[in-house]
Amino acid sequence: MKELSDFLKEFVTPKLKPLGFRKKGQLYRLDGDSGDVAFISFAPMRIDPCAVVFHVSCLFVPEPYWQFLNRQYMVAGVPEVNQSGALASYSLMPPDSAAHDPASWGVDRTRWAFGDRNRAEVGKVLGEALVAEVPRIRQLLVRENLLAAIQSPETPSIRRRGALQSELLLMVDDYPREKLQDLLSRIDEDHPFIELFTRWADMRRGLLP
């Protein structure tokens, strides 16, 4: 949607680029020191003929999880990371002045919107909200912090996979084998994840060809 692309170019890119984000289409990428990646995604919704409505998501793709998802390519080379490999994500909530329907609730309340009259106002609010969110995004690019957020009882949860599997996938390089085995023992013994994870972890450590 050209209106959203122009809007991002004017109000978002000047805010995020100096903070280390790279833009591709309607997606902004921030690389962490450990190879993990955070994305800010802007997804338009064609639900209002009088406004540009969109959803803002913060997504986190840890390097081990991306490799696990693409384990069949480990020998030939794992493809470039993208937001489809998010292990955790959350929506950036708009204030009333930038919300499509401030009186709504649930997923509908996460929708941002602007029209001809309030375009600049929403752009300013969004830019400020994103800059304020960057410290949290950077914090969650540290695996221990992301794990704590995934395990948090707060709702809505940011995790996209079970907490136990997420811990194994996040901490595969940091936990000793004994702790990994203990965590695996808490999963139903017939679950296919156990074999998949074990073989992948051994490959990652160079124990298998």
C-alpha atoms as a PDB file:
ATOM      1  CA  MET A   1       0.000   0.000   0.000  1.00  0.00           C
ATOM      2  CA  LYS A   2       1.688   3.157  -1.247  1.00  0.00           C
ATOM      3  CA  GLU A   3       0.089   5.414   1.359  1.00  0.00           C
ATOM      4  CA  LEU A   4       1.613   3.374   4.175  1.00  0.00           C
ATOM      5  CA  SER A   5       4.993   3.104   2.443  1.00  0.00           C
ATOM      6  CA  ASP A   6       5.186   6.875   2.005  1.00  0.00           C
ATOM      7  CA  PHE A   7       4.060   7.358   5.614  1.00  0.00           C
ATOM      8  CA  LEU A   8       6.814   5.075   6.933  1.00  0.00           C
ATOM      9  CA  LYS A   9       9.435   6.749   4.770  1.00  0.00           C
ATOM     10  CA  GLU A  10       8.459  10.144   6.136  1.00  0.00           C
ATOM     11  CA  PHE A  11       7.854   9.429   9.830  1.00  0.00           C
ATOM     12  CA  VAL A  12       9.407   6.088  10.793  1.00  0.00           C
ATOM     13  CA  THR A  13      12.638   5.649   8.831  1.00  0.00           C
ATOM     14  CA  PRO A  14      14.157   8.930  10.108  1.00  0.00           C
ATOM     15  CA  LYS A  15      13.537   7.734  13.667  1.00  0.00           C
ATOM     16  CA  LEU A  16      14.690   4.120  13.381  1.00  0.00           C
ATOM     17  CA  LYS A  17      17.604   4.355  10.948  1.00  0.00           C
ATOM     18  CA  PRO A  18      19.855   6.324  13.359  1.00  0.00           C
ATOM     19  CA  LEU A  19      19.131   3.632  15.975  1.00  0.00           C
ATOM     20  CA  GLY A  20      20.579   0.876  13.812  1.00  0.00           C
ATOM     21  CA  PHE A  21      17.511  -0.429  11.991  1.00  0.00           C
ATOM     22  CA  ARG A  22      17.611  -1.383   8.327  1.00  0.00           C
ATOM     23  CA  LYS A  23      14.492  -1.022   6.213  1.00  0.00           C
ATOM     24  CA  LYS A  24      13.184  -3.381   3.561  1.00  0.00           C
ATOM     25  CA  GLY A  25       9.690  -2.681   2.346  1.00  0.00           C
ATOM     26  CA  GLN A  26       7.436  -2.333   5.373  1.00  0.00           C
ATOM     27  CA  LEU A  27       9.870  -4.159   7.640  1.00  0.00           C
ATOM     28  CA  TYR A  28      12.637  -2.786   9.855  1.00  0.00           C
ATOM     29  CA  ARG A  29      15.443  -5.040  11.080  1.00  0.00           C
ATOM     30  CA  LEU A  30      17.805  -4.732  14.042  1.00  0.00           C
ATOM     31  CA  ASP A  31      20.667  -7.230  14.469  1.00  0.00           C
ATOM     32  CA  GLY A  32      21.830  -8.261  17.922  1.00  0.00           C
ATOM     33  CA  ASP A  33      25.388  -9.054  18.966  1.00  0.00           C
ATOM     34  CA  SER A  34      24.711 -12.807  19.202  1.00  0.00           C
ATOM     35  CA  GLY A  35      23.239 -13.149  15.726  1.00  0.00           C
ATOM     36  CA  ASP A  36      19.653 -12.819  16.924  1.00  0.00           C
ATOM     37  CA  VAL A  37      17.418 -10.424  15.010  1.00  0.00           C
ATOM     38  CA  ALA A  38      14.475  -8.207  15.897  1.00  0.00           C
ATOM     39  CA  PHE A  39      11.966  -6.967  13.348  1.00  0.00           C
ATOM     40  CA  ILE A  40       9.359  -4.235  13.439  1.00  0.00           C
ATOM     41  CA  SER A  41       6.651  -5.084  10.954  1.00  0.00           C
ATOM     42  CA  PHE A  42       3.935  -2.826   9.564  1.00  0.00           C
ATOM     43  CA  ALA A  43       1.010  -4.755   8.107  1.00  0.00           C
ATOM     44  CA  PRO A  44      -1.739  -2.796   6.314  1.00  0.00           C
ATOM     45  CA  MET A  45      -5.395  -3.813   6.568  1.00  0.00           C
ATOM     46  CA  ARG A  46      -7.945  -2.885   3.921  1.00  0.00           C
ATOM     47  CA  ILE A  47     -10.889  -2.479   6.266  1.00  0.00           C
ATOM     48  CA  ASP A  48     -11.655   1.243   6.091  1.00  0.00           C
ATOM     49  CA  PRO A  49     -12.057   3.204   2.837  1.00  0.00           C
ATOM     50  CA  CYS A  50     -11.483   6.470   4.698  1.00  0.00           C
ATOM     51  CA  ALA A  51      -8.285   5.597   6.557  1.00  0.00           C
ATOM     52  CA  VAL A  52      -5.004   3.733   6.261  1.00  0.00           C
ATOM     53  CA  VAL A  53      -5.213   1.043   8.932  1.00  0.00           C
ATOM     54  CA  PHE A  54      -2.186  -1.017   9.948  1.00  0.00           C
ATOM     55  CA  HIS A  55      -0.802  -3.258  12.647  1.00  0.00           C
ATOM     56  CA  VAL A  56       2.648  -2.796  14.217  1.00  0.00           C
ATOM     57  CA  SER A  57       4.429  -5.927  15.465  1.00  0.00           C
ATOM     58  CA  CYS A  58       7.757  -6.399  17.224  1.00  0.00           C
ATOM     59  CA  LEU A  59       9.173  -9.843  16.415  1.00  0.00           C
ATOM     60  CA  PHE A  60      12.226 -11.693  17.715  1.00  0.00           C
ATOM     61  CA  VAL A  61      14.107 -14.374  15.773  1.00  0.00           C
ATOM     62  CA  PRO A  62      16.894 -15.955  17.837  1.00  0.00           C
ATOM     63  CA  GLU A  63      19.665 -17.450  15.720  1.00  0.00           C
ATOM     64  CA  PRO A  64      19.330 -20.964  17.236  1.00  0.00           C
ATOM     65  CA  TYR A  65      15.611 -21.053  16.546  1.00  0.00           C
ATOM     66  CA  TRP A  66      16.068 -19.913  12.949  1.00  0.00           C
ATOM     67  CA  GLN A  67      18.687 -22.598  12.481  1.00  0.00           C
ATOM     68  CA  PHE A  68      16.383 -25.221  14.018  1.00  0.00           C
ATOM     69  CA  LEU A  69      13.563 -24.241  11.662  1.00  0.00           C
ATOM     70  CA  ASN A  70      15.995 -24.538   8.727  1.00  0.00           C
ATOM     71  CA  ARG A  71      17.992 -27.510   9.988  1.00  0.00           C
ATOM     72  CA  GLN A  72      17.678 -29.298   6.632  1.00  0.00           C
ATOM     73  CA  TYR A  73      19.840 -26.538   5.126  1.00  0.00           C
ATOM     74  CA  MET A  74      22.615 -26.587   7.723  1.00  0.00           C
ATOM     75  CA  VAL A  75      25.119 -28.243   5.400  1.00  0.00           C
ATOM     76  CA  ALA A  76      24.308 -26.217   2.285  1.00  0.00           C
ATOM     77  CA  GLY A  77      23.727 -22.991   4.182  1.00  0.00           C
ATOM     78  CA  VAL A  78      20.815 -21.645   6.211  1.00  0.00           C
ATOM     79  CA  PRO A  79      18.796 -19.010   4.307  1.00  0.00           C
ATOM     80  CA  GLU A  80      18.677 -15.350   5.265  1.00  0.00           C
ATOM     81  CA  VAL A  81      16.636 -14.762   8.399  1.00  0.00           C
ATOM     82  CA  ASN A  82      13.175 -13.247   8.111  1.00  0.00           C
ATOM     83  CA  GLN A  83      10.261 -12.481  10.397  1.00  0.00           C
ATOM     84  CA  SER A  84       8.528 -15.805   9.719  1.00  0.00           C
ATOM     85  CA  GLY A  85      10.935 -17.384  12.213  1.00  0.00           C
ATOM     86  CA  ALA A  86       9.766 -15.357  15.211  1.00  0.00           C
ATOM     87  CA  LEU A  87       9.914 -17.231  18.496  1.00  0.00           C
ATOM     88  CA  ALA A  88       8.255 -14.326  20.279  1.00  0.00           C
ATOM     89  CA  SER A  89       6.324 -11.229  19.261  1.00  0.00           C
ATOM     90  CA  TYR A  90       4.002  -8.563  20.538  1.00  0.00           C
ATOM     91  CA  SER A  91       1.894  -5.741  19.164  1.00  0.00           C
ATOM     92  CA  LEU A  92       2.748  -2.085  19.655  1.00  0.00           C
ATOM     93  CA  MET A  93      -0.421  -0.595  21.091  1.00  0.00           C
ATOM     94  CA  PRO A  94      -1.534   2.784  19.711  1.00  0.00           C
ATOM     95  CA  PRO A  95      -2.732   5.558  22.004  1.00  0.00           C
ATOM     96  CA  ASP A  96      -6.326   6.682  21.521  1.00  0.00           C
ATOM     97  CA  SER A  97      -5.272   9.494  19.203  1.00  0.00           C
ATOM     98  CA  ALA A  98      -3.704   7.014  16.743  1.00  0.00           C
ATOM     99  CA  ALA A  99      -6.053   4.052  17.169  1.00  0.00           C
ATOM    100  CA  HIS A 100      -8.451   3.000  14.442  1.00  0.00           C
ATOM    101  CA  ASP A 101     -11.161   2.376  17.030  1.00  0.00           C
ATOM    102  CA  PRO A 102     -10.192   3.528  20.533  1.00  0.00           C
ATOM    103  CA  ALA A 103     -13.340   1.951  22.003  1.00  0.00           C
ATOM    104  CA  SER A 104     -12.542  -1.528  20.668  1.00  0.00           C
ATOM    105  CA  TRP A 105     -10.784  -4.279  22.588  1.00  0.00           C
ATOM    106  CA  GLY A 106      -8.626  -7.313  21.948  1.00  0.00           C
ATOM    107  CA  VAL A 107      -6.829  -7.551  18.620  1.00  0.00           C
ATOM    108  CA  ASP A 108      -8.954  -4.759  17.151  1.00  0.00           C
ATOM    109  CA  ARG A 109      -7.534  -2.326  19.709  1.00  0.00           C
ATOM    110  CA  THR A 110      -3.997  -2.861  18.338  1.00  0.00           C
ATOM    111  CA  ARG A 111      -4.838  -1.251  14.985  1.00  0.00           C
ATOM    112  CA  TRP A 112      -3.216   2.062  14.133  1.00  0.00           C
ATOM    113  CA  ALA A 113      -4.840   4.364  11.583  1.00  0.00           C
ATOM    114  CA  PHE A 114      -4.454   7.722   9.912  1.00  0.00           C
ATOM    115  CA  GLY A 115      -6.350   9.775   7.380  1.00  0.00           C
ATOM    116  CA  ASP A 116      -5.689  12.962   5.484  1.00  0.00           C
ATOM    117  CA  ARG A 117      -6.494  15.168   8.465  1.00  0.00           C
ATOM    118  CA  ASN A 118      -4.408  13.472  11.155  1.00  0.00           C
ATOM    119  CA  ARG A 119      -1.587  11.964   9.103  1.00  0.00           C
ATOM    120  CA  ALA A 120       1.131  14.177  10.578  1.00  0.00           C
ATOM    121  CA  GLU A 121      -0.190  13.798  14.115  1.00  0.00           C
ATOM    122  CA  VAL A 122      -0.238   9.999  13.924  1.00  0.00           C
ATOM    123  CA  GLY A 123       3.192   9.993  12.286  1.00  0.00           C
ATOM    124  CA  LYS A 124       4.645  12.006  15.162  1.00  0.00           C
ATOM    125  CA  VAL A 125       2.986   9.794  17.793  1.00  0.00           C
ATOM    126  CA  LEU A 126       4.151   6.609  16.072  1.00  0.00           C
ATOM    127  CA  GLY A 127       7.712   7.821  15.704  1.00  0.00           C
ATOM    128  CA  GLU A 128       7.881   8.744  19.391  1.00  0.00           C
ATOM    129  CA  ALA A 129       6.341   5.412  20.414  1.00  0.00           C
ATOM    130  CA  LEU A 130       8.883   3.461  18.378  1.00  0.00           C
ATOM    131  CA  VAL A 131      11.855   5.364  19.788  1.00  0.00           C
ATOM    132  CA  ALA A 132      10.516   4.732  23.289  1.00  0.00           C
ATOM    133  CA  GLU A 133      10.162   1.010  22.478  1.00  0.00           C
ATOM    134  CA  VAL A 134      13.704   0.491  21.166  1.00  0.00           C
ATOM    135  CA  PRO A 135      15.299  -0.012  24.608  1.00  0.00           C
ATOM    136  CA  ARG A 136      12.894  -2.890  25.292  1.00  0.00           C
ATOM    137  CA  ILE A 137      13.599  -4.363  21.858  1.00  0.00           C
ATOM    138  CA  ARG A 138      17.341  -4.216  22.509  1.00  0.00           C
ATOM    139  CA  GLN A 139      16.823  -5.809  25.909  1.00  0.00           C
ATOM    140  CA  LEU A 140      14.890  -8.703  24.386  1.00  0.00           C
ATOM    141  CA  LEU A 141      17.704  -9.345  21.909  1.00  0.00           C
ATOM    142  CA  VAL A 142      19.579 -10.767  24.921  1.00  0.00           C
ATOM    143  CA  ARG A 143      18.510 -14.400  25.142  1.00  0.00           C
ATOM    144  CA  GLU A 144      18.253 -14.541  28.926  1.00  0.00           C
ATOM    145  CA  ASN A 145      15.922 -11.547  28.846  1.00  0.00           C
ATOM    146  CA  LEU A 146      13.837 -12.987  26.025  1.00  0.00           C
ATOM    147  CA  LEU A 147      13.521 -16.261  27.925  1.00  0.00           C
ATOM    148  CA  ALA A 148      12.368 -14.423  31.045  1.00  0.00           C
ATOM    149  CA  ALA A 149       9.730 -12.597  28.994  1.00  0.00           C
ATOM    150  CA  ILE A 150       8.592 -15.847  27.376  1.00  0.00           C
ATOM    151  CA  GLN A 151       8.270 -17.496  30.798  1.00  0.00           C
ATOM    152  CA  SER A 152       6.510 -14.520  32.357  1.00  0.00           C
ATOM    153  CA  PRO A 153       2.895 -15.114  33.477  1.00  0.00           C
ATOM    154  CA  GLU A 154       1.897 -11.710  32.146  1.00  0.00           C
ATOM    155  CA  THR A 155      -0.819 -11.637  29.506  1.00  0.00           C
ATOM    156  CA  PRO A 156      -0.921 -11.438  26.621  1.00  0.00           C
ATOM    157  CA  SER A 157       2.064 -13.753  26.306  1.00  0.00           C
ATOM    158  CA  ILE A 158       4.747 -12.836  23.765  1.00  0.00           C
ATOM    159  CA  ARG A 159       5.699 -16.447  23.068  1.00  0.00           C
ATOM    160  CA  ARG A 160       4.767 -18.269  19.882  1.00  0.00           C
ATOM    161  CA  ARG A 161       5.856 -21.690  21.038  1.00  0.00           C
ATOM    162  CA  GLY A 162       5.594 -23.580  24.322  1.00  0.00           C
ATOM    163  CA  ALA A 163       7.704 -22.203  27.170  1.00  0.00           C
ATOM    164  CA  LEU A 164       9.666 -25.442  27.620  1.00  0.00           C
ATOM    165  CA  GLN A 165      10.517 -25.842  23.935  1.00  0.00           C
ATOM    166  CA  SER A 166      11.362 -22.156  23.737  1.00  0.00           C
ATOM    167  CA  GLU A 167      13.823 -22.504  26.623  1.00  0.00           C
ATOM    168  CA  LEU A 168      15.537 -25.470  24.990  1.00  0.00           C
ATOM    169  CA  LEU A 169      15.822 -23.711  21.641  1.00  0.00           C
ATOM    170  CA  LEU A 170      17.014 -20.440  23.138  1.00  0.00           C
ATOM    171  CA  MET A 171      19.556 -21.846  25.566  1.00  0.00           C
ATOM    172  CA  VAL A 172      20.924 -24.809  23.594  1.00  0.00           C
ATOM    173  CA  ASP A 173      24.393 -23.228  23.528  1.00  0.00           C
ATOM    174  CA  ASP A 174      24.405 -22.141  27.169  1.00  0.00           C
ATOM    175  CA  TYR A 175      22.974 -25.059  29.126  1.00  0.00           C
ATOM    176  CA  PRO A 176      25.059 -28.157  29.877  1.00  0.00           C
ATOM    177  CA  ARG A 177      23.875 -31.410  28.321  1.00  0.00           C
ATOM    178  CA  GLU A 178      22.517 -32.594  31.678  1.00  0.00           C
ATOM    179  CA  LYS A 179      20.166 -29.627  31.965  1.00  0.00           C
ATOM    180  CA  LEU A 180      18.990 -30.013  28.375  1.00  0.00           C
ATOM    181  CA  GLN A 181      18.236 -33.670  29.045  1.00  0.00           C
ATOM    182  CA  ASP A 182      16.336 -32.751  32.198  1.00  0.00           C
ATOM    183  CA  LEU A 183      14.166 -30.293  30.266  1.00  0.00           C
ATOM    184  CA  LEU A 184      13.572 -32.828  27.507  1.00  0.00           C
ATOM    185  CA  SER A 185      12.459 -35.376  30.109  1.00  0.00           C
ATOM    186  CA  ARG A 186       9.568 -33.068  31.032  1.00  0.00           C
ATOM    187  CA  ILE A 187       8.130 -33.338  27.529  1.00  0.00           C
ATOM    188  CA  ASP A 188       5.833 -36.223  26.641  1.00  0.00           C
ATOM    189  CA  GLU A 189       8.160 -39.036  25.597  1.00  0.00           C
ATOM    190  CA  ASP A 190       6.295 -39.587  22.330  1.00  0.00           C
ATOM    191  CA  HIS A 191       6.534 -35.955  21.242  1.00  0.00           C
ATOM    192  CA  PRO A 192       8.436 -35.684  17.912  1.00  0.00           C
ATOM    193  CA  PHE A 193      10.189 -32.532  19.140  1.00  0.00           C
ATOM    194  CA  ILE A 194      12.493 -34.607  21.359  1.00  0.00           C
ATOM    195  CA  GLU A 195      14.123 -36.480  18.491  1.00  0.00           C
ATOM    196  CA  LEU A 196      14.209 -33.427  16.233  1.00  0.00           C
ATOM    197  CA  PHE A 197      15.795 -31.252  18.897  1.00  0.00           C
ATOM    198  CA  THR A 198      18.332 -33.879  19.998  1.00  0.00           C
ATOM    199  CA  ARG A 199      19.580 -34.542  16.484  1.00  0.00           C
ATOM    200  CA  TRP A 200      19.727 -30.851  15.649  1.00  0.00           C
ATOM    201  CA  ALA A 201      21.563 -29.996  18.882  1.00  0.00           C
ATOM    202  CA  ASP A 202      24.162 -32.686  18.151  1.00  0.00           C
ATOM    203  CA  MET A 203      24.587 -31.354  14.626  1.00  0.00           C
ATOM    204  CA  ARG A 204      24.981 -27.834  15.980  1.00  0.00           C
ATOM    205  CA  ARG A 205      27.741 -29.045  18.294  1.00  0.00           C
ATOM    206  CA  GLY A 206      29.453 -30.962  15.511  1.00  0.00           C
ATOM    207  CA  LEU A 207      28.686 -34.345  16.995  1.00  0.00           C
ATOM    208  CA  LEU A 208      26.894 -35.529  13.851  1.00  0.00           C
ATOM    209  CA  PRO A 209      27.853 -35.163  10.188  1.00  0.00           C
END
